[in-house]
Amino acid sequence: MERVIDRHELADFLRRRRELLRPSDVGLPDGLRRRTPGLRREEVASLAGVSTDHYTRLEQARGSAPSESVLSAIARALQCDLDERDHLFYLAGMTPAPRRAGGYVRPGLIALARRLTDIPVMICTDIGEIAWSNELATALIPPLPQQPGRDRNIYWRWFTKPELRPAPPDDWDRLSANHVMDLRATYARRAGEPDITSLVHDLLGASEEFRGLWERHQVAVRRADVKTFVHPEVGPVSVRCEVLLTEEADVKLLAYFPLEGTDAAEKLELLRVIGTQRLTRADSSPT
């Protein structure tokens, strides 16, 4: 399928972005003889590592179609944010590269999660690192260390510490397969990136179960699931998990709703009360 390039809009966008930047913004001396605001075309070309002629032709709405690498380099040279970078790609008739949150959780996502006080909620990365959980989720799952690391990773804990699995043994095979299929999809989408590569490599060495499932090469992105947590005080709690993906798709919110037709709602309420009482006792204890 032939690329459709909006050459005039692309040229206009590049020119306006260039004119917004001062030389000092990119580490260049301002100089005394600049007749127009912003950077010169040859300066943008040099920063992007492309020929001045190629860049000039783009700003003149002519010349050959820019490659993905050239567009990325120009976006960096012009200090485009993600929205501006994506706009640049669309004008050039290309699909922009996937966005990455890099584990950063937007305050707005946490603010949304804080409002869901009657259900367990967790926010985690696409490689299974738990970044945030509300009080009810903390009460439902086995204790997590405060410091970041592998022990706060869902996949790592599941396959290297099966004694901490919060699900009934009858569900282990299904959930293990689901974990690996989900991680397989992330591994392909983020091929070669150090964090996912390292996690998979270490899991292959640490867990025979993981290794056997990985070799099946089955893939499925989980967006919903039904599972049961076994809690030492209230017993089994059956929930319906809804996975809300962020735009970047590498941070997701997991919301656990009580499963219809079970006593999960009552047990979650009991856990909420127990958790509140524990916090109260901890706050009132002598120091």
C-alpha atoms as a PDB file:
ATOM      1  CA  MET A   1       0.000   0.000   0.000  1.00  0.00           C
ATOM      2  CA  GLU A   2       1.490   3.328  -1.089  1.00  0.00           C
ATOM      3  CA  ARG A   3       2.177   5.889   1.593  1.00  0.00           C
ATOM      4  CA  VAL A   4       0.063   9.018   1.462  1.00  0.00           C
ATOM      5  CA  ILE A   5       2.189  11.982   2.526  1.00  0.00           C
ATOM      6  CA  ASP A   6       0.626  15.335   3.296  1.00  0.00           C
ATOM      7  CA  ARG A   7       3.673  17.204   2.020  1.00  0.00           C
ATOM      8  CA  HIS A   8       2.420  20.734   2.575  1.00  0.00           C
ATOM      9  CA  GLU A   9       1.273  20.089   6.140  1.00  0.00           C
ATOM     10  CA  LEU A  10       4.505  18.213   6.864  1.00  0.00           C
ATOM     11  CA  ALA A  11       6.574  21.110   5.518  1.00  0.00           C
ATOM     12  CA  ASP A  12       4.576  23.648   7.521  1.00  0.00           C
ATOM     13  CA  PHE A  13       4.884  21.627  10.747  1.00  0.00           C
ATOM     14  CA  LEU A  14       8.656  21.190  10.373  1.00  0.00           C
ATOM     15  CA  ARG A  15       9.178  24.887   9.676  1.00  0.00           C
ATOM     16  CA  ARG A  16       7.068  26.026  12.625  1.00  0.00           C
ATOM     17  CA  ARG A  17       8.765  23.583  15.033  1.00  0.00           C
ATOM     18  CA  ARG A  18      12.191  24.767  13.815  1.00  0.00           C
ATOM     19  CA  GLU A  19      11.277  28.416  14.333  1.00  0.00           C
ATOM     20  CA  LEU A  20      10.214  27.749  17.937  1.00  0.00           C
ATOM     21  CA  LEU A  21      13.661  26.512  18.969  1.00  0.00           C
ATOM     22  CA  ARG A  22      16.512  28.783  19.953  1.00  0.00           C
ATOM     23  CA  PRO A  23      20.114  27.696  19.397  1.00  0.00           C
ATOM     24  CA  SER A  24      20.673  27.621  23.169  1.00  0.00           C
ATOM     25  CA  ASP A  25      17.850  25.056  23.460  1.00  0.00           C
ATOM     26  CA  VAL A  26      19.986  22.538  21.577  1.00  0.00           C
ATOM     27  CA  GLY A  27      23.396  23.543  22.931  1.00  0.00           C
ATOM     28  CA  LEU A  28      24.408  25.898  20.101  1.00  0.00           C
ATOM     29  CA  PRO A  29      25.642  29.485  20.483  1.00  0.00           C
ATOM     30  CA  ASP A  30      23.016  32.107  19.705  1.00  0.00           C
ATOM     31  CA  GLY A  31      25.290  34.147  17.459  1.00  0.00           C
ATOM     32  CA  LEU A  32      24.756  37.748  16.418  1.00  0.00           C
ATOM     33  CA  ARG A  33      23.594  37.504  12.804  1.00  0.00           C
ATOM     34  CA  ARG A  34      20.311  35.589  12.812  1.00  0.00           C
ATOM     35  CA  ARG A  35      17.798  37.269  10.543  1.00  0.00           C
ATOM     36  CA  THR A  36      14.932  34.890  11.411  1.00  0.00           C
ATOM     37  CA  PRO A  37      13.891  33.277  14.691  1.00  0.00           C
ATOM     38  CA  GLY A  38      14.706  29.692  15.514  1.00  0.00           C
ATOM     39  CA  LEU A  39      17.262  27.271  14.158  1.00  0.00           C
ATOM     40  CA  ARG A  40      18.649  27.230  10.658  1.00  0.00           C
ATOM     41  CA  ARG A  41      17.787  24.326   8.383  1.00  0.00           C
ATOM     42  CA  GLU A  42      21.388  23.160   8.281  1.00  0.00           C
ATOM     43  CA  GLU A  43      21.452  23.102  12.098  1.00  0.00           C
ATOM     44  CA  VAL A  44      18.388  20.866  12.295  1.00  0.00           C
ATOM     45  CA  ALA A  45      19.859  18.604   9.621  1.00  0.00           C
ATOM     46  CA  SER A  46      23.144  18.354  11.516  1.00  0.00           C
ATOM     47  CA  LEU A  47      21.381  17.574  14.812  1.00  0.00           C
ATOM     48  CA  ALA A  48      19.306  14.880  13.078  1.00  0.00           C
ATOM     49  CA  GLY A  49      22.250  13.408  11.198  1.00  0.00           C
ATOM     50  CA  VAL A  50      20.663  13.883   7.756  1.00  0.00           C
ATOM     51  CA  SER A  51      21.794  15.884   4.770  1.00  0.00           C
ATOM     52  CA  THR A  52      20.851  19.540   4.617  1.00  0.00           C
ATOM     53  CA  ASP A  53      19.503  19.004   1.108  1.00  0.00           C
ATOM     54  CA  HIS A  54      17.167  16.213   2.246  1.00  0.00           C
ATOM     55  CA  TYR A  55      15.827  18.230   5.167  1.00  0.00           C
ATOM     56  CA  THR A  56      15.453  21.373   3.022  1.00  0.00           C
ATOM     57  CA  ARG A  57      13.444  19.451   0.452  1.00  0.00           C
ATOM     58  CA  LEU A  58      11.088  18.222   3.200  1.00  0.00           C
ATOM     59  CA  GLU A  59      10.454  21.810   4.311  1.00  0.00           C
ATOM     60  CA  GLN A  60       9.830  22.736   0.667  1.00  0.00           C
ATOM     61  CA  ALA A  61       7.208  19.974   0.271  1.00  0.00           C
ATOM     62  CA  ARG A  62       9.223  18.033  -2.269  1.00  0.00           C
ATOM     63  CA  GLY A  63      11.866  15.323  -2.513  1.00  0.00           C
ATOM     64  CA  SER A  64      11.826  11.655  -1.532  1.00  0.00           C
ATOM     65  CA  ALA A  65       9.686  10.237   1.254  1.00  0.00           C
ATOM     66  CA  PRO A  66      11.479  10.261   4.632  1.00  0.00           C
ATOM     67  CA  SER A  67      12.225   6.923   6.293  1.00  0.00           C
ATOM     68  CA  GLU A  68      11.170   5.980   9.821  1.00  0.00           C
ATOM     69  CA  SER A  69      14.696   6.498  11.138  1.00  0.00           C
ATOM     70  CA  VAL A  70      14.926   9.937   9.518  1.00  0.00           C
ATOM     71  CA  LEU A  71      11.576  10.996  10.990  1.00  0.00           C
ATOM     72  CA  SER A  72      12.617   9.803  14.449  1.00  0.00           C
ATOM     73  CA  ALA A  73      15.896  11.680  14.205  1.00  0.00           C
ATOM     74  CA  ILE A  74      14.188  14.886  13.051  1.00  0.00           C
ATOM     75  CA  ALA A  75      11.631  14.596  15.868  1.00  0.00           C
ATOM     76  CA  ARG A  76      14.464  14.370  18.394  1.00  0.00           C
ATOM     77  CA  ALA A  77      16.331  17.259  16.790  1.00  0.00           C
ATOM     78  CA  LEU A  78      13.206  19.427  16.947  1.00  0.00           C
ATOM     79  CA  GLN A  79      12.573  18.299  20.561  1.00  0.00           C
ATOM     80  CA  CYS A  80       9.094  17.046  19.751  1.00  0.00           C
ATOM     81  CA  ASP A  81       7.059  15.564  22.577  1.00  0.00           C
ATOM     82  CA  LEU A  82       5.223  12.280  21.963  1.00  0.00           C
ATOM     83  CA  ASP A  83       2.103  13.930  20.554  1.00  0.00           C
ATOM     84  CA  GLU A  84       4.163  16.044  18.182  1.00  0.00           C
ATOM     85  CA  ARG A  85       6.288  13.051  17.171  1.00  0.00           C
ATOM     86  CA  ASP A  86       3.161  11.022  16.367  1.00  0.00           C
ATOM     87  CA  HIS A  87       1.740  13.948  14.375  1.00  0.00           C
ATOM     88  CA  LEU A  88       4.962  14.128  12.378  1.00  0.00           C
ATOM     89  CA  PHE A  89       4.713  10.425  11.514  1.00  0.00           C
ATOM     90  CA  TYR A  90       1.063  10.680  10.502  1.00  0.00           C
ATOM     91  CA  LEU A  91       1.789  13.615   8.190  1.00  0.00           C
ATOM     92  CA  ALA A  92       4.507  11.515   6.569  1.00  0.00           C
ATOM     93  CA  GLY A  93       2.037   8.663   6.022  1.00  0.00           C
ATOM     94  CA  MET A  94       3.563   6.345   8.624  1.00  0.00           C
ATOM     95  CA  THR A  95       2.453   4.686  11.852  1.00  0.00           C
ATOM     96  CA  PRO A  96       4.393   6.139  14.793  1.00  0.00           C
ATOM     97  CA  ALA A  97       6.497   3.929  17.024  1.00  0.00           C
ATOM     98  CA  PRO A  98       4.741   2.571  20.151  1.00  0.00           C
ATOM     99  CA  ARG A  99       4.768   4.820  23.162  1.00  0.00           C
ATOM    100  CA  ARG A 100       6.464   3.749  26.359  1.00  0.00           C
ATOM    101  CA  ALA A 101       5.634   4.963  29.834  1.00  0.00           C
ATOM    102  CA  GLY A 102       8.805   3.319  31.116  1.00  0.00           C
ATOM    103  CA  GLY A 103       7.110   2.288  34.354  1.00  0.00           C
ATOM    104  CA  TYR A 104       5.958   5.837  35.098  1.00  0.00           C
ATOM    105  CA  VAL A 105       2.418   5.927  36.500  1.00  0.00           C
ATOM    106  CA  ARG A 106       0.538   9.131  35.775  1.00  0.00           C
ATOM    107  CA  PRO A 107      -0.946  10.827  38.871  1.00  0.00           C
ATOM    108  CA  GLY A 108      -4.336  10.836  37.145  1.00  0.00           C
ATOM    109  CA  LEU A 109      -4.341   7.043  36.915  1.00  0.00           C
ATOM    110  CA  ILE A 110      -3.604   6.735  40.632  1.00  0.00           C
ATOM    111  CA  ALA A 111      -6.306   9.325  41.382  1.00  0.00           C
ATOM    112  CA  LEU A 112      -8.778   7.185  39.436  1.00  0.00           C
ATOM    113  CA  ALA A 113      -7.660   4.030  41.261  1.00  0.00           C
ATOM    114  CA  ARG A 114      -8.031   5.725  44.673  1.00  0.00           C
ATOM    115  CA  ARG A 115     -11.726   6.269  44.008  1.00  0.00           C
ATOM    116  CA  LEU A 116     -12.310   2.510  43.686  1.00  0.00           C
ATOM    117  CA  THR A 117     -12.285   1.900  47.423  1.00  0.00           C
ATOM    118  CA  ASP A 118     -14.720  -1.038  47.546  1.00  0.00           C
ATOM    119  CA  ILE A 119     -12.752  -3.349  45.222  1.00  0.00           C
ATOM    120  CA  PRO A 120      -9.100  -4.447  45.078  1.00  0.00           C
ATOM    121  CA  VAL A 121      -7.099  -2.436  42.526  1.00  0.00           C
ATOM    122  CA  MET A 122      -3.486  -2.767  41.380  1.00  0.00           C
ATOM    123  CA  ILE A 123      -1.418  -0.864  38.864  1.00  0.00           C
ATOM    124  CA  CYS A 124       1.423  -2.788  37.270  1.00  0.00           C
ATOM    125  CA  THR A 125       3.739  -2.656  34.292  1.00  0.00           C
ATOM    126  CA  ASP A 126       3.472  -4.919  31.259  1.00  0.00           C
ATOM    127  CA  ILE A 127       6.282  -7.080  32.627  1.00  0.00           C
ATOM    128  CA  GLY A 128       4.383  -7.687  35.861  1.00  0.00           C
ATOM    129  CA  GLU A 129       5.964  -5.223  38.270  1.00  0.00           C
ATOM    130  CA  ILE A 130       3.406  -3.995  40.816  1.00  0.00           C
ATOM    131  CA  ALA A 131       3.738  -0.215  40.981  1.00  0.00           C
ATOM    132  CA  TRP A 132       0.756   0.608  43.211  1.00  0.00           C
ATOM    133  CA  SER A 133      -2.060  -1.164  45.043  1.00  0.00           C
ATOM    134  CA  ASN A 134      -4.929   0.050  47.186  1.00  0.00           C
ATOM    135  CA  GLU A 135      -5.552  -1.133  50.748  1.00  0.00           C
ATOM    136  CA  LEU A 136      -8.010  -3.837  49.723  1.00  0.00           C
ATOM    137  CA  ALA A 137      -5.602  -5.349  47.192  1.00  0.00           C
ATOM    138  CA  THR A 138      -2.853  -5.253  49.806  1.00  0.00           C
ATOM    139  CA  ALA A 139      -5.135  -7.137  52.199  1.00  0.00           C
ATOM    140  CA  LEU A 140      -6.110  -9.725  49.582  1.00  0.00           C
ATOM    141  CA  ILE A 141      -2.714 -10.784  48.203  1.00  0.00           C
ATOM    142  CA  PRO A 142       0.369 -12.074  50.062  1.00  0.00           C
ATOM    143  CA  PRO A 143       2.563  -9.318  51.517  1.00  0.00           C
ATOM    144  CA  LEU A 144       4.896  -7.539  49.112  1.00  0.00           C
ATOM    145  CA  PRO A 145       8.252  -5.956  49.935  1.00  0.00           C
ATOM    146  CA  GLN A 146       8.304  -2.172  49.948  1.00  0.00           C
ATOM    147  CA  GLN A 147      11.412  -1.899  47.802  1.00  0.00           C
ATOM    148  CA  PRO A 148      11.161  -2.432  44.019  1.00  0.00           C
ATOM    149  CA  GLY A 149      12.630  -5.624  42.632  1.00  0.00           C
ATOM    150  CA  ARG A 150      11.799  -9.113  41.437  1.00  0.00           C
ATOM    151  CA  ASP A 151       9.775  -9.919  44.565  1.00  0.00           C
ATOM    152  CA  ARG A 152       7.248  -7.263  43.456  1.00  0.00           C
ATOM    153  CA  ASN A 153       6.898  -8.926  40.044  1.00  0.00           C
ATOM    154  CA  ILE A 154       3.755 -11.010  39.506  1.00  0.00           C
ATOM    155  CA  TYR A 155       5.375 -13.421  37.058  1.00  0.00           C
ATOM    156  CA  TRP A 156       8.541 -13.905  39.086  1.00  0.00           C
ATOM    157  CA  ARG A 157       6.687 -14.571  42.335  1.00  0.00           C
ATOM    158  CA  TRP A 158       4.277 -16.979  40.646  1.00  0.00           C
ATOM    159  CA  PHE A 159       6.930 -19.187  39.055  1.00  0.00           C
ATOM    160  CA  THR A 160       9.752 -18.988  41.609  1.00  0.00           C
ATOM    161  CA  LYS A 161       7.711 -19.002  44.828  1.00  0.00           C
ATOM    162  CA  PRO A 162       4.725 -21.308  44.218  1.00  0.00           C
ATOM    163  CA  GLU A 163       4.133 -21.554  47.960  1.00  0.00           C
ATOM    164  CA  LEU A 164       2.961 -17.915  47.824  1.00  0.00           C
ATOM    165  CA  ARG A 165       0.437 -18.457  45.045  1.00  0.00           C
ATOM    166  CA  PRO A 166      -2.845 -16.974  46.263  1.00  0.00           C
ATOM    167  CA  ALA A 167      -4.984 -19.228  44.024  1.00  0.00           C
ATOM    168  CA  PRO A 168      -6.316 -22.762  44.714  1.00  0.00           C
ATOM    169  CA  PRO A 169      -4.070 -25.519  43.273  1.00  0.00           C
ATOM    170  CA  ASP A 170      -6.795 -26.591  40.823  1.00  0.00           C
ATOM    171  CA  ASP A 171      -6.365 -23.230  39.060  1.00  0.00           C
ATOM    172  CA  TRP A 172      -2.575 -23.252  38.871  1.00  0.00           C
ATOM    173  CA  ASP A 173      -2.191 -24.862  35.435  1.00  0.00           C
ATOM    174  CA  ARG A 174      -4.625 -22.443  33.791  1.00  0.00           C
ATOM    175  CA  LEU A 175      -3.195 -19.361  35.465  1.00  0.00           C
ATOM    176  CA  SER A 176       0.393 -20.407  34.753  1.00  0.00           C
ATOM    177  CA  ALA A 177      -0.442 -20.792  31.066  1.00  0.00           C
ATOM    178  CA  ASN A 178      -2.215 -17.415  31.049  1.00  0.00           C
ATOM    179  CA  HIS A 179       0.780 -15.710  32.646  1.00  0.00           C
ATOM    180  CA  VAL A 180       3.172 -17.099  30.040  1.00  0.00           C
ATOM    181  CA  MET A 181       0.909 -16.314  27.082  1.00  0.00           C
ATOM    182  CA  ASP A 182       0.538 -12.730  28.291  1.00  0.00           C
ATOM    183  CA  LEU A 183       4.278 -12.343  28.814  1.00  0.00           C
ATOM    184  CA  ARG A 184       4.917 -13.867  25.352  1.00  0.00           C
ATOM    185  CA  ALA A 185       2.861 -11.083  23.764  1.00  0.00           C
ATOM    186  CA  THR A 186       4.852  -8.424  25.632  1.00  0.00           C
ATOM    187  CA  TYR A 187       8.134 -10.111  24.703  1.00  0.00           C
ATOM    188  CA  ALA A 188       7.281  -9.925  21.005  1.00  0.00           C
ATOM    189  CA  ARG A 189       5.965  -6.363  21.178  1.00  0.00           C
ATOM    190  CA  ARG A 190       9.070  -5.115  22.980  1.00  0.00           C
ATOM    191  CA  ALA A 191      11.620  -7.399  21.336  1.00  0.00           C
ATOM    192  CA  GLY A 192      15.173  -6.844  22.496  1.00  0.00           C
ATOM    193  CA  GLU A 193      14.421  -4.389  25.314  1.00  0.00           C
ATOM    194  CA  PRO A 194      16.605  -5.133  28.361  1.00  0.00           C
ATOM    195  CA  ASP A 195      13.942  -5.375  31.089  1.00  0.00           C
ATOM    196  CA  ILE A 196      11.714  -7.927  29.333  1.00  0.00           C
ATOM    197  CA  THR A 197      14.684  -9.855  27.923  1.00  0.00           C
ATOM    198  CA  SER A 198      16.299 -10.135  31.345  1.00  0.00           C
ATOM    199  CA  LEU A 199      13.081 -11.253  33.045  1.00  0.00           C
ATOM    200  CA  VAL A 200      12.364 -13.988  30.500  1.00  0.00           C
ATOM    201  CA  HIS A 201      15.981 -15.188  30.545  1.00  0.00           C
ATOM    202  CA  ASP A 202      15.974 -15.443  34.342  1.00  0.00           C
ATOM    203  CA  LEU A 203      12.581 -17.187  34.432  1.00  0.00           C
ATOM    204  CA  LEU A 204      13.749 -19.743  31.880  1.00  0.00           C
ATOM    205  CA  GLY A 205      16.651 -20.550  34.165  1.00  0.00           C
ATOM    206  CA  ALA A 206      14.701 -20.495  37.424  1.00  0.00           C
ATOM    207  CA  SER A 207      11.487 -22.389  36.605  1.00  0.00           C
ATOM    208  CA  GLU A 208      11.061 -25.658  34.732  1.00  0.00           C
ATOM    209  CA  GLU A 209       7.312 -25.019  34.608  1.00  0.00           C
ATOM    210  CA  PHE A 210       7.848 -21.639  32.962  1.00  0.00           C
ATOM    211  CA  ARG A 211      10.346 -23.125  30.517  1.00  0.00           C
ATOM    212  CA  GLY A 212       7.910 -25.825  29.395  1.00  0.00           C
ATOM    213  CA  LEU A 213       5.077 -23.351  28.889  1.00  0.00           C
ATOM    214  CA  TRP A 214       7.341 -20.864  27.089  1.00  0.00           C
ATOM    215  CA  GLU A 215       8.327 -23.523  24.555  1.00  0.00           C
ATOM    216  CA  ARG A 216       4.662 -23.898  23.515  1.00  0.00           C
ATOM    217  CA  HIS A 217       4.821 -20.375  21.981  1.00  0.00           C
ATOM    218  CA  GLN A 218       1.185 -19.606  22.767  1.00  0.00           C
ATOM    219  CA  VAL A 219       0.187 -15.941  22.857  1.00  0.00           C
ATOM    220  CA  ALA A 220      -2.812 -14.138  24.340  1.00  0.00           C
ATOM    221  CA  VAL A 221      -3.124 -10.643  25.817  1.00  0.00           C
ATOM    222  CA  ARG A 222      -5.315 -10.805  28.906  1.00  0.00           C
ATOM    223  CA  ARG A 223      -7.960  -8.118  29.081  1.00  0.00           C
ATOM    224  CA  ALA A 224     -10.302  -9.944  31.472  1.00  0.00           C
ATOM    225  CA  ASP A 225     -10.249 -13.072  33.610  1.00  0.00           C
ATOM    226  CA  VAL A 226     -12.085 -14.889  36.382  1.00  0.00           C
ATOM    227  CA  LYS A 227      -9.995 -16.113  39.288  1.00  0.00           C
ATOM    228  CA  THR A 228     -10.152 -17.066  42.933  1.00  0.00           C
ATOM    229  CA  PHE A 229      -7.919 -15.748  45.691  1.00  0.00           C
ATOM    230  CA  VAL A 230      -7.490 -17.901  48.786  1.00  0.00           C
ATOM    231  CA  HIS A 231      -7.136 -15.679  51.848  1.00  0.00           C
ATOM    232  CA  PRO A 232      -5.966 -17.152  55.169  1.00  0.00           C
ATOM    233  CA  GLU A 233      -8.700 -15.385  57.169  1.00  0.00           C
ATOM    234  CA  VAL A 234     -11.779 -15.161  54.936  1.00  0.00           C
ATOM    235  CA  GLY A 235     -11.165 -18.138  52.635  1.00  0.00           C
ATOM    236  CA  PRO A 236     -11.731 -18.206  48.855  1.00  0.00           C
ATOM    237  CA  VAL A 237     -12.714 -14.938  47.171  1.00  0.00           C
ATOM    238  CA  SER A 238     -13.881 -15.272  43.556  1.00  0.00           C
ATOM    239  CA  VAL A 239     -13.437 -12.167  41.417  1.00  0.00           C
ATOM    240  CA  ARG A 240     -13.770 -10.952  37.868  1.00  0.00           C
ATOM    241  CA  CYS A 241     -10.599  -9.147  36.800  1.00  0.00           C
ATOM    242  CA  GLU A 242     -10.832  -6.319  34.279  1.00  0.00           C
ATOM    243  CA  VAL A 243      -7.578  -5.069  32.752  1.00  0.00           C
ATOM    244  CA  LEU A 244      -7.530  -1.420  31.698  1.00  0.00           C
ATOM    245  CA  LEU A 245      -4.585  -0.640  29.419  1.00  0.00           C
ATOM    246  CA  THR A 246      -3.111   2.843  29.232  1.00  0.00           C
ATOM    247  CA  GLU A 247      -2.416   4.483  25.880  1.00  0.00           C
ATOM    248  CA  GLU A 248       1.225   3.453  26.130  1.00  0.00           C
ATOM    249  CA  ALA A 249       0.113  -0.148  26.871  1.00  0.00           C
ATOM    250  CA  ASP A 250       3.048  -0.757  29.216  1.00  0.00           C
ATOM    251  CA  VAL A 251       1.165   0.275  32.360  1.00  0.00           C
ATOM    252  CA  LYS A 252      -2.162  -1.314  33.219  1.00  0.00           C
ATOM    253  CA  LEU A 253      -4.773  -1.093  35.938  1.00  0.00           C
ATOM    254  CA  LEU A 254      -6.190  -4.352  37.326  1.00  0.00           C
ATOM    255  CA  ALA A 255      -9.613  -4.042  38.930  1.00  0.00           C
ATOM    256  CA  TYR A 256     -11.055  -7.059  40.774  1.00  0.00           C
ATOM    257  CA  PHE A 257     -14.856  -7.095  40.965  1.00  0.00           C
ATOM    258  CA  PRO A 258     -16.688  -9.622  43.172  1.00  0.00           C
ATOM    259  CA  LEU A 259     -17.956 -12.488  41.052  1.00  0.00           C
ATOM    260  CA  GLU A 260     -21.716 -12.583  40.685  1.00  0.00           C
ATOM    261  CA  GLY A 261     -23.494 -15.387  42.566  1.00  0.00           C
ATOM    262  CA  THR A 262     -20.743 -15.743  45.195  1.00  0.00           C
ATOM    263  CA  ASP A 263     -20.113 -14.299  48.650  1.00  0.00           C
ATOM    264  CA  ALA A 264     -17.068 -12.387  47.383  1.00  0.00           C
ATOM    265  CA  ALA A 265     -18.624  -8.953  48.005  1.00  0.00           C
ATOM    266  CA  GLU A 266     -19.220  -9.754  51.676  1.00  0.00           C
ATOM    267  CA  LYS A 267     -15.703 -11.145  52.085  1.00  0.00           C
ATOM    268  CA  LEU A 268     -14.132  -8.094  50.430  1.00  0.00           C
ATOM    269  CA  GLU A 269     -16.082  -5.849  52.771  1.00  0.00           C
ATOM    270  CA  LEU A 270     -14.858  -7.923  55.717  1.00  0.00           C
ATOM    271  CA  LEU A 271     -11.278  -7.585  54.470  1.00  0.00           C
ATOM    272  CA  ARG A 272     -11.740  -3.849  54.134  1.00  0.00           C
ATOM    273  CA  VAL A 273     -12.923  -3.622  57.760  1.00  0.00           C
ATOM    274  CA  ILE A 274     -10.100  -5.870  58.982  1.00  0.00           C
ATOM    275  CA  GLY A 275      -7.550  -3.779  57.127  1.00  0.00           C
ATOM    276  CA  THR A 276      -8.933  -0.534  58.595  1.00  0.00           C
ATOM    277  CA  GLN A 277      -8.843  -1.973  62.113  1.00  0.00           C
ATOM    278  CA  ARG A 278      -5.237  -3.090  61.663  1.00  0.00           C
ATOM    279  CA  LEU A 279      -4.231   0.343  60.474  1.00  0.00           C
ATOM    280  CA  THR A 280      -5.996   1.920  63.452  1.00  0.00           C
ATOM    281  CA  ARG A 281      -4.229  -0.401  65.902  1.00  0.00           C
ATOM    282  CA  ALA A 282      -0.885   0.293  64.231  1.00  0.00           C
ATOM    283  CA  ASP A 283      -1.417   4.055  64.422  1.00  0.00           C
ATOM    284  CA  SER A 284      -2.365   3.879  68.125  1.00  0.00           C
ATOM    285  CA  SER A 285       0.427   1.523  69.178  1.00  0.00           C
ATOM    286  CA  PRO A 286       3.149   3.029  71.403  1.00  0.00           C
ATOM    287  CA  THR A 287       6.413   3.962  69.709  1.00  0.00           C
END
